[in-house]
Amino acid sequence: MFKQILFALFAVQLFLPASVAIAQENKRSITDLGKSIYRFQDNLHYSIFIVGKESVLLTDPINTEAATWLRKEIRQRWGNLPVKYVIYSHNHLDHIGGGDVFRDRDTHIVAHELAAQDIRRNQMPTATPDITFSDRLRLDFEGRAIELQYYGPNNGAGNISLYVPDARLLFVVDWIVLKRLPFREMYYYDLEGTIASLKAVLQLDFDMVAPGHSVVGNKEDVRESLAYLEDLRDAVLQGMNEGKSLEQMQREIRLDKYRHFASYEQWLPLNIKGAYEQLARLSGRYGQEK
């Protein structure tokens, strides 16, 4: 009986979703990406920060507990350097929570104007941006260029890229995920907007991309993610134009060239549903299926 109980407990752990299992571990880490750029992990969320000689530049603080941990780690490893910039990738609170942890009189909170507008409108419990921009913003961080750019709707309000030219490094949250399918039904995505944003960001000269979720990769990995979204869209459109139901498309569409992506089996039917709903609304066909 004791062995049966142990096996049952093991089986429960084995088949827990990855997000639950990792969250239980409360996994936090800092990884050196080179050129004084570091990747911060809090469970399934990631951000980056840059350590200068006199100060620190941070991206998404993620949440209060994670930000408190990160601030302590930075002080232990690099001394009491002030945080000059905290840059929000977009408006989603699961990435930008905890901004108040780094607020100081000499700290600037930076975000796209649409993200800042939504943060204020919803009275989000994080530091309010004091520097905003519309299309592009170039920051000088101790003589080092940091380029922020908005590409239009993709995932959330005011979602931008952060590009470090001298490191040929790109940081993007939510609308770039590598070697993994987009999250479930893609409810936060603008499918066509994400495709357009990916095409635009590929014009930048980068070697490394460190997303807000999933693994670190390169430009070819971004091209592969773009190809997946285009193939998903085209397969769903073809099914719709052939008069197929959503349930039929979920059974029949198999994008097997992306089988190596994480969450392929679990999320492909959900991705199909999300793409179908967006495309049907866009064409005025949503709710008209027989």
Protein backbone atom coordinates (compact mmCIF):
# COMPACT_ATOMS: atom_id res chain seq x y z
CA MET A 1 0.00 0.00 0.00
CA PHE A 2 2.81 2.41 0.88
CA LYS A 3 4.45 1.81 -2.51
CA GLN A 4 1.12 2.43 -4.25
CA ILE A 5 0.72 5.76 -2.46
CA LEU A 6 4.27 6.81 -3.41
CA PHE A 7 3.64 5.88 -7.04
CA ALA A 8 0.39 7.86 -7.09
CA LEU A 9 2.11 10.94 -5.70
CA PHE A 10 4.89 10.58 -8.26
CA ALA A 11 2.35 10.25 -11.07
CA VAL A 12 0.54 13.41 -9.97
CA GLN A 13 3.83 15.36 -10.07
CA LEU A 14 4.80 13.83 -13.40
CA PHE A 15 1.63 14.93 -15.15
CA LEU A 16 1.33 18.38 -13.62
CA PRO A 17 1.52 21.16 -16.22
CA ALA A 18 5.04 22.51 -16.56
CA SER A 19 3.94 25.95 -15.40
CA VAL A 20 2.63 24.50 -12.13
CA ALA A 21 5.71 22.37 -11.53
CA ILE A 22 8.12 25.24 -12.12
CA ALA A 23 6.06 27.68 -10.08
CA GLN A 24 6.25 25.27 -7.16
CA GLU A 25 10.04 25.35 -7.40
CA ASN A 26 9.99 29.17 -7.27
CA LYS A 27 12.87 29.17 -9.71
CA ARG A 28 14.91 32.37 -9.96
CA SER A 29 18.25 32.82 -11.64
CA ILE A 30 20.59 35.30 -13.33
CA THR A 31 22.39 34.28 -16.53
CA ASP A 32 25.30 36.17 -18.10
CA LEU A 33 24.54 36.89 -21.78
CA GLY A 34 27.82 38.71 -22.34
CA LYS A 35 28.79 42.39 -22.69
CA SER A 36 27.47 43.19 -19.19
CA ILE A 37 23.95 42.05 -20.13
CA TYR A 38 22.16 39.57 -17.88
CA ARG A 39 18.95 37.58 -18.14
CA PHE A 40 16.75 37.37 -15.05
CA GLN A 41 14.40 34.41 -14.64
CA ASP A 42 11.39 34.27 -12.33
CA ASN A 43 9.74 30.90 -12.99
CA LEU A 44 8.34 31.15 -16.55
CA HIS A 45 9.00 34.89 -16.92
CA TYR A 46 12.24 36.52 -18.04
CA SER A 47 13.67 40.01 -18.33
CA ILE A 48 17.13 41.45 -18.94
CA PHE A 49 19.28 44.07 -17.23
CA ILE A 50 22.51 45.84 -18.09
CA VAL A 51 25.17 46.68 -15.53
CA GLY A 52 27.17 49.83 -16.22
CA LYS A 53 30.07 51.36 -14.34
CA GLU A 54 27.85 53.83 -12.51
CA SER A 55 24.29 52.51 -12.77
CA VAL A 56 21.94 49.76 -13.93
CA LEU A 57 19.32 49.59 -16.69
CA LEU A 58 16.46 47.14 -16.11
CA THR A 59 13.61 45.81 -18.17
CA ASP A 60 10.44 44.25 -16.75
CA PRO A 61 10.61 43.79 -12.95
CA ILE A 62 7.94 41.01 -13.29
CA ASN A 63 6.41 41.24 -9.79
CA THR A 64 7.18 42.67 -6.35
CA GLU A 65 8.67 39.50 -4.89
CA ALA A 66 10.84 38.88 -7.96
CA ALA A 67 11.94 42.51 -8.12
CA THR A 68 12.90 42.47 -4.42
CA TRP A 69 14.98 39.35 -4.99
CA LEU A 70 16.66 40.87 -8.04
CA ARG A 71 17.47 44.13 -6.28
CA LYS A 72 19.14 42.21 -3.46
CA GLU A 73 21.14 40.09 -5.92
CA ILE A 74 22.35 43.14 -7.85
CA ARG A 75 23.54 44.80 -4.65
CA GLN A 76 25.35 41.66 -3.52
CA ARG A 77 27.08 41.14 -6.87
CA TRP A 78 27.74 44.67 -8.11
CA GLY A 79 27.42 46.92 -5.09
CA ASN A 80 24.93 49.68 -4.43
CA LEU A 81 24.61 50.88 -8.04
CA PRO A 82 21.56 53.09 -8.64
CA VAL A 83 18.96 51.98 -11.17
CA LYS A 84 18.85 54.67 -13.86
CA TYR A 85 16.16 53.19 -16.10
CA VAL A 86 13.34 50.67 -15.69
CA ILE A 87 11.90 49.88 -19.13
CA TYR A 88 8.49 48.25 -19.45
CA SER A 89 8.02 45.98 -22.48
CA HIS A 90 4.23 46.55 -22.55
CA ASN A 91 1.22 46.88 -20.27
CA HIS A 92 0.70 43.36 -18.93
CA LEU A 93 1.03 43.29 -15.16
CA ASP A 94 2.57 39.81 -15.05
CA HIS A 95 5.69 41.42 -16.57
CA ILE A 96 5.71 44.98 -15.22
CA GLY A 97 4.58 44.40 -11.65
CA GLY A 98 7.09 45.37 -8.97
CA GLY A 99 8.24 48.60 -10.57
CA ASP A 100 7.93 50.44 -7.26
CA VAL A 101 10.75 48.31 -5.83
CA PHE A 102 13.22 50.17 -8.04
CA ARG A 103 11.65 53.62 -7.87
CA ASP A 104 14.02 56.36 -6.70
CA ARG A 105 14.24 60.09 -7.32
CA ASP A 106 16.88 59.52 -10.01
CA THR A 107 15.18 56.48 -11.61
CA HIS A 108 13.21 56.87 -14.84
CA ILE A 109 10.36 54.51 -15.70
CA VAL A 110 10.10 54.16 -19.49
CA ALA A 111 7.21 52.79 -21.56
CA HIS A 112 5.37 53.28 -24.82
CA GLU A 113 2.62 55.87 -24.54
CA LEU A 114 -0.14 53.27 -25.05
CA ALA A 115 1.25 51.08 -22.29
CA ALA A 116 1.55 54.08 -19.97
CA GLN A 117 -2.01 55.12 -20.78
CA ASP A 118 -3.33 51.67 -19.87
CA ILE A 119 -1.27 51.52 -16.67
CA ARG A 120 -2.81 54.81 -15.52
CA ARG A 121 -6.34 53.95 -16.70
CA ASN A 122 -6.37 50.67 -14.81
CA GLN A 123 -4.46 52.04 -11.80
CA MET A 124 -2.03 49.15 -12.00
CA PRO A 125 -0.03 48.51 -8.82
CA THR A 126 3.38 49.35 -10.24
CA ALA A 127 5.48 52.45 -10.85
CA THR A 128 3.94 54.85 -13.36
CA PRO A 129 6.13 55.73 -16.38
CA ASP A 130 7.60 59.22 -16.49
CA ILE A 131 9.21 58.85 -19.94
CA THR A 132 6.99 57.79 -22.85
CA PHE A 133 7.32 57.71 -26.63
CA SER A 134 5.23 56.94 -29.72
CA ASP A 135 7.38 55.19 -32.34
CA ARG A 136 11.08 55.09 -31.40
CA LEU A 137 13.22 56.15 -28.49
CA ARG A 138 17.01 56.02 -28.27
CA LEU A 139 18.45 56.10 -24.75
CA ASP A 140 22.05 56.86 -23.90
CA PHE A 141 23.07 54.52 -21.11
CA GLU A 142 26.58 55.54 -20.06
CA GLY A 143 27.53 56.09 -23.69
CA ARG A 144 25.81 52.91 -24.82
CA ALA A 145 22.86 53.10 -27.23
CA ILE A 146 19.63 51.40 -26.21
CA GLU A 147 16.97 51.49 -28.94
CA LEU A 148 13.25 51.05 -28.20
CA GLN A 149 10.76 50.61 -31.03
CA TYR A 150 7.01 50.15 -31.44
CA TYR A 151 5.69 48.20 -34.44
CA GLY A 152 1.95 48.51 -33.99
CA PRO A 153 -0.51 46.04 -32.40
CA ASN A 154 0.92 42.62 -31.57
CA ASN A 155 0.39 41.52 -27.95
CA GLY A 156 -1.01 43.90 -25.36
CA ALA A 157 -0.87 47.69 -25.44
CA GLY A 158 2.32 49.47 -26.47
CA ASN A 159 4.46 46.35 -26.79
CA ILE A 160 7.97 47.27 -27.93
CA SER A 161 11.36 45.78 -28.71
CA LEU A 162 14.57 46.67 -26.90
CA TYR A 163 17.68 46.47 -29.08
CA VAL A 164 21.31 46.82 -27.98
CA PRO A 165 23.26 47.48 -31.19
CA ASP A 166 26.79 46.97 -29.84
CA ALA A 167 25.78 43.56 -28.43
CA ARG A 168 23.53 42.70 -31.39
CA LEU A 169 20.95 41.63 -28.81
CA LEU A 170 17.16 41.88 -28.91
CA PHE A 171 14.66 41.68 -26.04
CA VAL A 172 10.98 41.16 -26.86
CA VAL A 173 8.13 39.96 -24.64
CA ASP A 174 5.13 37.81 -25.60
CA TRP A 175 5.06 38.38 -29.38
CA ILE A 176 8.35 36.54 -29.80
CA VAL A 177 8.50 33.07 -28.26
CA LEU A 178 11.08 30.59 -29.54
CA LYS A 179 10.80 26.83 -29.98
CA ARG A 180 7.34 26.97 -28.38
CA LEU A 181 3.80 27.54 -29.59
CA PRO A 182 2.08 30.83 -28.73
CA PHE A 183 0.13 30.67 -25.48
CA ARG A 184 -3.07 28.63 -25.73
CA GLU A 185 -5.85 30.42 -27.72
CA MET A 186 -3.63 33.45 -28.39
CA TYR A 187 -6.24 35.71 -26.78
CA TYR A 188 -3.70 38.48 -26.10
CA TYR A 189 -2.27 38.28 -29.63
CA ASP A 190 -3.16 40.33 -32.65
CA LEU A 191 -2.31 37.60 -35.17
CA GLU A 192 -1.83 39.75 -38.26
CA GLY A 193 -0.17 42.46 -36.18
CA THR A 194 2.28 39.96 -34.68
CA ILE A 195 3.19 38.68 -38.15
CA ALA A 196 3.82 42.27 -39.29
CA SER A 197 5.87 43.03 -36.17
CA LEU A 198 8.02 39.94 -36.65
CA LYS A 199 8.73 40.89 -40.26
CA ALA A 200 9.70 44.40 -39.17
CA VAL A 201 11.93 43.37 -36.26
CA LEU A 202 13.81 40.96 -38.51
CA GLN A 203 15.19 44.02 -40.28
CA LEU A 204 17.32 44.73 -37.20
CA ASP A 205 20.89 43.43 -37.11
CA PHE A 206 20.87 41.02 -34.17
CA ASP A 207 22.46 37.69 -33.34
CA MET A 208 20.75 36.92 -30.04
CA VAL A 209 17.15 37.30 -28.91
CA ALA A 210 16.21 36.90 -25.24
CA PRO A 211 12.40 36.65 -25.05
CA GLY A 212 10.19 37.30 -22.05
CA HIS A 213 9.20 33.62 -22.23
CA SER A 214 10.92 30.52 -23.63
CA VAL A 215 14.54 29.95 -24.61
CA VAL A 216 17.25 32.32 -25.85
CA GLY A 217 17.78 32.01 -29.58
CA ASN A 218 18.93 33.70 -32.76
CA LYS A 219 17.55 35.33 -35.88
CA GLU A 220 16.79 32.01 -37.56
CA ASP A 221 14.67 31.02 -34.57
CA VAL A 222 12.64 34.23 -34.98
CA ARG A 223 12.15 33.43 -38.68
CA GLU A 224 10.92 29.98 -37.67
CA SER A 225 8.38 31.50 -35.25
CA LEU A 226 7.18 33.83 -38.00
CA ALA A 227 6.85 30.88 -40.39
CA TYR A 228 4.73 29.01 -37.83
CA LEU A 229 2.28 31.89 -37.46
CA GLU A 230 2.02 32.32 -41.24
CA ASP A 231 1.48 28.58 -41.76
CA LEU A 232 -1.11 28.51 -38.97
CA ARG A 233 -2.99 31.46 -40.46
CA ASP A 234 -2.89 30.02 -43.99
CA ALA A 235 -4.05 26.57 -42.88
CA VAL A 236 -6.98 28.00 -40.92
CA LEU A 237 -7.94 30.33 -43.77
CA GLN A 238 -7.88 27.44 -46.20
CA GLY A 239 -10.13 25.41 -43.92
CA MET A 240 -12.55 28.30 -43.52
CA ASN A 241 -12.68 28.87 -47.27
CA GLU A 242 -13.43 25.17 -47.76
CA GLY A 243 -16.38 25.48 -45.39
CA LYS A 244 -14.87 23.41 -42.59
CA SER A 245 -15.99 23.83 -38.99
CA LEU A 246 -13.60 24.81 -36.22
CA GLU A 247 -13.84 21.31 -34.75
CA GLN A 248 -12.99 19.77 -38.11
CA MET A 249 -9.97 22.02 -38.52
CA GLN A 250 -8.78 21.19 -35.01
CA ARG A 251 -8.88 17.51 -35.94
CA GLU A 252 -7.30 17.82 -39.36
CA ILE A 253 -4.69 20.59 -39.26
CA ARG A 254 -1.29 19.14 -38.39
CA LEU A 255 1.69 21.49 -38.75
CA ASP A 256 4.15 18.65 -38.29
CA LYS A 257 7.26 20.65 -39.22
CA TYR A 258 6.81 22.40 -35.87
CA ARG A 259 6.29 19.22 -33.85
CA HIS A 260 9.57 19.93 -32.02
CA PHE A 261 8.08 23.11 -30.53
CA ALA A 262 7.23 22.93 -26.84
CA SER A 263 3.49 22.50 -26.10
CA TYR A 264 2.82 21.41 -29.70
CA GLU A 265 0.33 18.66 -28.89
CA GLN A 266 -1.45 20.53 -26.09
CA TRP A 267 -1.72 23.97 -27.68
CA LEU A 268 -2.02 23.41 -31.45
CA PRO A 269 -5.82 22.89 -31.27
CA LEU A 270 -6.05 26.00 -29.07
CA ASN A 271 -3.88 28.02 -31.47
CA ILE A 272 -6.19 26.92 -34.30
CA LYS A 273 -9.20 28.13 -32.29
CA GLY A 274 -7.54 31.49 -31.58
CA ALA A 275 -6.53 32.00 -35.21
CA TYR A 276 -10.01 31.00 -36.39
CA GLU A 277 -11.75 33.44 -34.08
CA GLN A 278 -9.51 36.34 -35.10
CA LEU A 279 -9.74 35.62 -38.83
CA ALA A 280 -13.50 35.10 -38.68
CA ARG A 281 -14.04 38.40 -36.88
CA LEU A 282 -11.73 40.22 -39.30
CA SER A 283 -13.64 38.93 -42.32
CA GLY A 284 -17.07 39.38 -40.75
CA ARG A 285 -17.71 35.64 -40.72
CA TYR A 286 -17.64 35.09 -36.95
CA GLY A 287 -20.88 33.63 -35.69
CA GLN A 288 -22.15 32.91 -39.22
CA GLU A 289 -20.96 29.32 -39.44
CA LYS A 290 -23.68 26.73 -39.89
